[in-house]
Amino acid sequence: MPAPRFPRAAVLAGALCAALGSCAPQATTPGTVQSSTPLTRASFYPQETGLAWAYLPEGEVAGGAPYVVQNLGPTLFGGEAVSATRMTGRGADQTWYRVTDAQGVKLLGIRKPGVTVRLQPAWLEYPAPDAWRAGLTWQGQSQVSLVADDGTVKGSGTLSYSYLVQERRTVSTPGGRFDVWVVTRQISDTVGGLFPATQQLWFTPFVGEVRTPEGLLLTERNFAPRSGGQP
């Protein structure tokens, strides 16, 4: 779904500082009681709690308020153990609920203010780590339910998706230089076009999405490359 364009909010500066730890020191103030999660090197499909990425729309003038994506960690979704990832910024507020296993990355649902999108069976977003190659394809179909906060079902239908790994190439973004897999994603649904029909994304192992399906480019992240110069 295209990232919504909303007016820039001053509070994003604080959100980015908290997520990416990149703010300059401020004057000493009384401390507060807080908790934090030590950051680790990311796995092939980065899912560790506390990892964060900042993005800007492709083609936009640099320096704008970013969208911030952060791994929130384990939670429950529909009674299943999942990992939650949230995107905020420019008025956006969206949370994805995923499971990562030997088969790849599966999306069980999406949460937006006032509504939850449930997918059954889960949508396979990424294949098994050792399956990546140019020309790889996968596809599937999920039943979609749109559920309001009061439990009312606002809509239902079918979503069909297909993926094609086009190539592997090197790209540069404000966030660095990356060796990416270029993937084209096609989607159709019967619930009013939840997602644009065709998108292109760039994925780098141990880094994540360098270009999201919404056309956002990576500008910063709060974890280091793997040893040996690998992403």
Protein backbone atom coordinates (compact mmCIF):
# COMPACT_ATOMS: atom_id res chain seq x y z
CA MET A 1 0.00 0.00 0.00
CA PRO A 2 1.50 3.35 -0.93
CA ALA A 3 2.92 5.19 2.04
CA PRO A 4 0.49 8.00 2.86
CA ARG A 5 1.66 11.60 2.36
CA PHE A 6 0.83 13.68 5.42
CA PRO A 7 2.12 17.03 6.70
CA ARG A 8 5.47 16.81 8.43
CA ALA A 9 5.28 16.55 12.21
CA ALA A 10 7.89 18.00 14.53
CA VAL A 11 7.57 15.03 16.86
CA LEU A 12 9.29 12.85 14.25
CA ALA A 13 12.65 14.32 15.18
CA GLY A 14 12.29 12.80 18.62
CA ALA A 15 11.05 9.50 17.18
CA LEU A 16 14.03 9.20 14.87
CA CYS A 17 16.44 10.03 17.68
CA ALA A 18 14.92 7.33 19.86
CA ALA A 19 14.86 4.72 17.12
CA LEU A 20 18.21 5.37 15.48
CA GLY A 21 20.21 6.93 18.30
CA SER A 22 21.62 9.67 16.08
CA CYS A 23 20.82 12.87 17.96
CA ALA A 24 23.42 15.22 19.35
CA PRO A 25 23.79 15.35 23.16
CA GLN A 26 21.34 17.65 24.88
CA ALA A 27 21.52 19.58 28.13
CA THR A 28 21.40 17.39 31.22
CA THR A 29 17.87 16.78 32.50
CA PRO A 30 16.51 14.57 35.27
CA GLY A 31 16.49 10.94 34.22
CA THR A 32 13.39 8.84 33.70
CA VAL A 33 12.73 5.17 34.32
CA GLN A 34 13.04 3.41 30.97
CA SER A 35 13.89 0.06 29.44
CA SER A 36 15.89 -0.72 26.32
CA THR A 37 16.81 -3.72 24.18
CA PRO A 38 20.51 -4.17 23.31
CA LEU A 39 20.89 -4.22 19.52
CA THR A 40 22.47 -7.23 17.84
CA ARG A 41 23.69 -7.97 14.36
CA ALA A 42 20.69 -8.65 12.16
CA SER A 43 19.72 -12.09 10.91
CA PHE A 44 19.21 -12.88 7.20
CA TYR A 45 15.67 -11.53 7.48
CA PRO A 46 16.19 -8.87 10.16
CA GLN A 47 13.67 -9.51 12.94
CA GLU A 48 15.55 -8.72 16.15
CA THR A 49 13.76 -6.45 18.60
CA GLY A 50 14.92 -2.83 18.47
CA LEU A 51 16.28 -2.80 14.92
CA ALA A 52 15.18 0.36 13.11
CA TRP A 53 15.34 1.90 9.64
CA ALA A 54 14.61 5.38 8.30
CA TYR A 55 13.24 5.96 4.79
CA LEU A 56 12.40 8.84 2.45
CA PRO A 57 10.28 8.71 -0.71
CA GLU A 58 12.30 8.08 -3.85
CA GLY A 59 12.77 11.30 -5.82
CA GLU A 60 12.05 13.61 -2.89
CA VAL A 61 14.42 16.41 -1.91
CA ALA A 62 16.78 15.21 0.83
CA GLY A 63 16.33 16.38 4.40
CA GLY A 64 12.63 15.76 4.83
CA ALA A 65 11.03 14.12 7.83
CA PRO A 66 11.54 10.35 7.50
CA TYR A 67 9.31 7.36 7.84
CA VAL A 68 10.69 5.22 10.68
CA VAL A 69 10.28 1.44 10.71
CA GLN A 70 11.10 -0.36 13.95
CA ASN A 71 10.93 -3.98 15.10
CA LEU A 72 8.80 -4.06 18.24
CA GLY A 73 9.47 -7.70 19.07
CA PRO A 74 7.37 -10.78 19.88
CA THR A 75 3.63 -10.46 20.43
CA LEU A 76 0.38 -12.31 19.73
CA PHE A 77 -1.84 -11.88 16.69
CA GLY A 78 -5.01 -13.92 16.46
CA GLY A 79 -3.63 -16.22 19.14
CA GLU A 80 -0.40 -16.90 17.21
CA ALA A 81 3.13 -15.92 18.25
CA VAL A 82 4.41 -13.32 15.80
CA SER A 83 6.89 -10.46 15.48
CA ALA A 84 5.55 -6.93 15.15
CA THR A 85 7.09 -4.19 12.99
CA ARG A 86 5.72 -0.65 13.06
CA MET A 87 6.04 2.25 10.63
CA THR A 88 5.44 5.82 11.79
CA GLY A 89 6.10 9.27 10.38
CA ARG A 90 4.22 11.98 8.51
CA GLY A 91 1.01 10.84 10.14
CA ALA A 92 1.43 7.20 9.12
CA ASP A 93 0.90 4.48 11.72
CA GLN A 94 0.96 0.89 10.49
CA THR A 95 2.03 -2.35 12.14
CA TRP A 96 2.81 -5.64 10.37
CA TYR A 97 2.58 -9.03 12.10
CA ARG A 98 4.91 -11.67 10.68
CA VAL A 99 6.34 -15.13 11.28
CA THR A 100 9.82 -16.03 10.00
CA ASP A 101 10.74 -19.71 9.68
CA ALA A 102 12.57 -22.10 7.37
CA GLN A 103 10.05 -21.40 4.59
CA GLY A 104 10.63 -17.65 4.64
CA VAL A 105 8.72 -14.60 5.90
CA LYS A 106 4.94 -14.82 6.24
CA LEU A 107 2.58 -11.90 6.82
CA LEU A 108 -0.43 -12.74 9.02
CA GLY A 109 -1.95 -9.28 9.25
CA ILE A 110 -1.66 -5.51 9.31
CA ARG A 111 -2.90 -3.04 11.89
CA LYS A 112 -3.94 0.53 11.06
CA PRO A 113 -5.78 2.98 13.31
CA GLY A 114 -9.31 1.65 13.68
CA VAL A 115 -8.93 -1.46 11.55
CA THR A 116 -7.02 -4.75 11.41
CA VAL A 117 -6.39 -6.66 8.18
CA ARG A 118 -6.24 -10.44 8.71
CA LEU A 119 -4.80 -12.84 6.12
CA GLN A 120 -5.60 -16.55 6.00
CA PRO A 121 -3.46 -18.38 5.08
CA ALA A 122 -0.51 -16.10 5.74
CA TRP A 123 0.96 -14.23 2.78
CA LEU A 124 4.47 -15.44 1.85
CA GLU A 125 6.44 -12.21 1.45
CA TYR A 126 9.93 -13.72 1.15
CA PRO A 127 11.20 -17.24 0.30
CA ALA A 128 13.55 -19.50 2.23
CA PRO A 129 16.99 -17.85 2.58
CA ASP A 130 18.72 -20.41 0.36
CA ALA A 131 16.11 -20.08 -2.42
CA TRP A 132 17.20 -16.66 -3.72
CA ARG A 133 18.24 -16.56 -7.39
CA ALA A 134 17.45 -14.54 -10.47
CA GLY A 135 14.26 -15.86 -12.07
CA LEU A 136 12.81 -17.21 -8.82
CA THR A 137 9.02 -16.92 -8.63
CA TRP A 138 6.43 -17.62 -5.97
CA GLN A 139 2.74 -16.89 -5.64
CA GLY A 140 -0.25 -17.52 -3.44
CA GLN A 141 -3.72 -16.51 -2.36
CA SER A 142 -5.15 -15.42 0.98
CA GLN A 143 -8.60 -14.71 2.33
CA VAL A 144 -8.75 -11.13 3.64
CA SER A 145 -10.88 -9.83 6.51
CA LEU A 146 -11.11 -6.16 7.54
CA VAL A 147 -12.02 -6.03 11.24
CA ALA A 148 -12.87 -2.83 13.13
CA ASP A 149 -11.73 -2.22 16.70
CA ASP A 150 -15.17 -3.21 18.01
CA GLY A 151 -14.90 -6.58 16.26
CA THR A 152 -17.21 -5.70 13.38
CA VAL A 153 -16.16 -7.21 10.04
CA LYS A 154 -16.06 -4.29 7.62
CA GLY A 155 -15.22 -6.32 4.55
CA SER A 156 -13.81 -9.57 3.24
CA GLY A 157 -12.51 -10.98 0.02
CA THR A 158 -9.56 -12.64 -1.69
CA LEU A 159 -6.03 -11.40 -2.28
CA SER A 160 -3.74 -12.97 -4.91
CA TYR A 161 -0.02 -12.23 -5.12
CA SER A 162 2.95 -13.20 -7.26
CA TYR A 163 6.67 -12.36 -7.06
CA LEU A 164 9.52 -12.42 -9.57
CA VAL A 165 13.19 -12.00 -8.63
CA GLN A 166 14.49 -10.07 -11.62
CA GLU A 167 18.19 -9.65 -10.89
CA ARG A 168 20.90 -8.91 -8.38
CA ARG A 169 22.70 -5.58 -8.64
CA THR A 170 24.53 -2.90 -6.68
CA VAL A 171 22.68 0.29 -5.75
CA SER A 172 23.47 3.38 -3.72
CA THR A 173 21.03 5.21 -1.48
CA PRO A 174 21.54 7.84 1.23
CA GLY A 175 21.83 4.87 3.57
CA GLY A 176 24.84 3.38 1.81
CA ARG A 177 25.88 1.11 -1.03
CA PHE A 178 24.10 -2.26 -1.19
CA ASP A 179 24.04 -5.50 -3.15
CA VAL A 180 20.28 -5.95 -3.65
CA TRP A 181 17.87 -8.47 -5.07
CA VAL A 182 15.42 -6.64 -7.35
CA VAL A 183 11.91 -8.06 -6.91
CA THR A 184 8.68 -7.25 -8.74
CA ARG A 185 5.48 -7.87 -6.77
CA GLN A 186 2.01 -8.06 -8.36
CA ILE A 187 -1.19 -8.05 -6.30
CA SER A 188 -4.91 -8.16 -6.99
CA ASP A 189 -7.75 -8.29 -4.48
CA THR A 190 -11.53 -8.16 -4.26
CA VAL A 191 -11.71 -5.79 -1.29
CA GLY A 192 -11.25 -2.46 -3.00
CA GLY A 193 -7.59 -2.48 -3.99
CA LEU A 194 -5.78 -2.58 -0.65
CA PHE A 195 -2.45 -2.60 -2.47
CA PRO A 196 -1.26 -1.13 -5.79
CA ALA A 197 -1.24 -3.71 -8.56
CA THR A 198 2.53 -3.73 -9.20
CA GLN A 199 5.50 -2.61 -7.10
CA GLN A 200 9.26 -3.09 -7.16
CA LEU A 201 11.28 -3.64 -4.01
CA TRP A 202 14.98 -4.14 -3.28
CA PHE A 203 16.06 -6.59 -0.60
CA THR A 204 19.53 -7.07 0.90
CA PRO A 205 20.19 -10.02 3.26
CA PHE A 206 21.08 -8.97 6.83
CA VAL A 207 19.91 -5.40 6.06
CA GLY A 208 16.28 -5.64 4.97
CA GLU A 209 14.40 -3.58 2.41
CA VAL A 210 16.61 -0.98 0.75
CA ARG A 211 13.62 0.09 -1.36
CA THR A 212 10.19 -0.71 0.02
CA PRO A 213 7.16 -1.63 -2.12
CA GLU A 214 5.84 1.85 -1.30
CA GLY A 215 8.79 3.48 -3.10
CA LEU A 216 10.72 4.50 0.02
CA LEU A 217 14.54 4.46 -0.04
CA LEU A 218 16.67 3.55 2.96
CA THR A 219 18.49 6.55 4.47
CA GLU A 220 19.69 5.24 7.84
CA ARG A 221 19.64 2.23 10.18
CA ASN A 222 20.68 1.67 13.76
CA PHE A 223 22.72 -1.53 13.35
CA ALA A 224 26.13 -2.17 11.85
CA PRO A 225 27.10 -4.26 8.82
CA ARG A 226 28.24 -7.81 9.39
CA SER A 227 31.93 -8.47 9.90
CA GLY A 228 34.11 -8.89 6.82
CA GLY A 229 32.46 -6.00 5.02
CA GLN A 230 29.28 -7.92 4.26
CA PRO A 231 25.91 -6.23 4.74
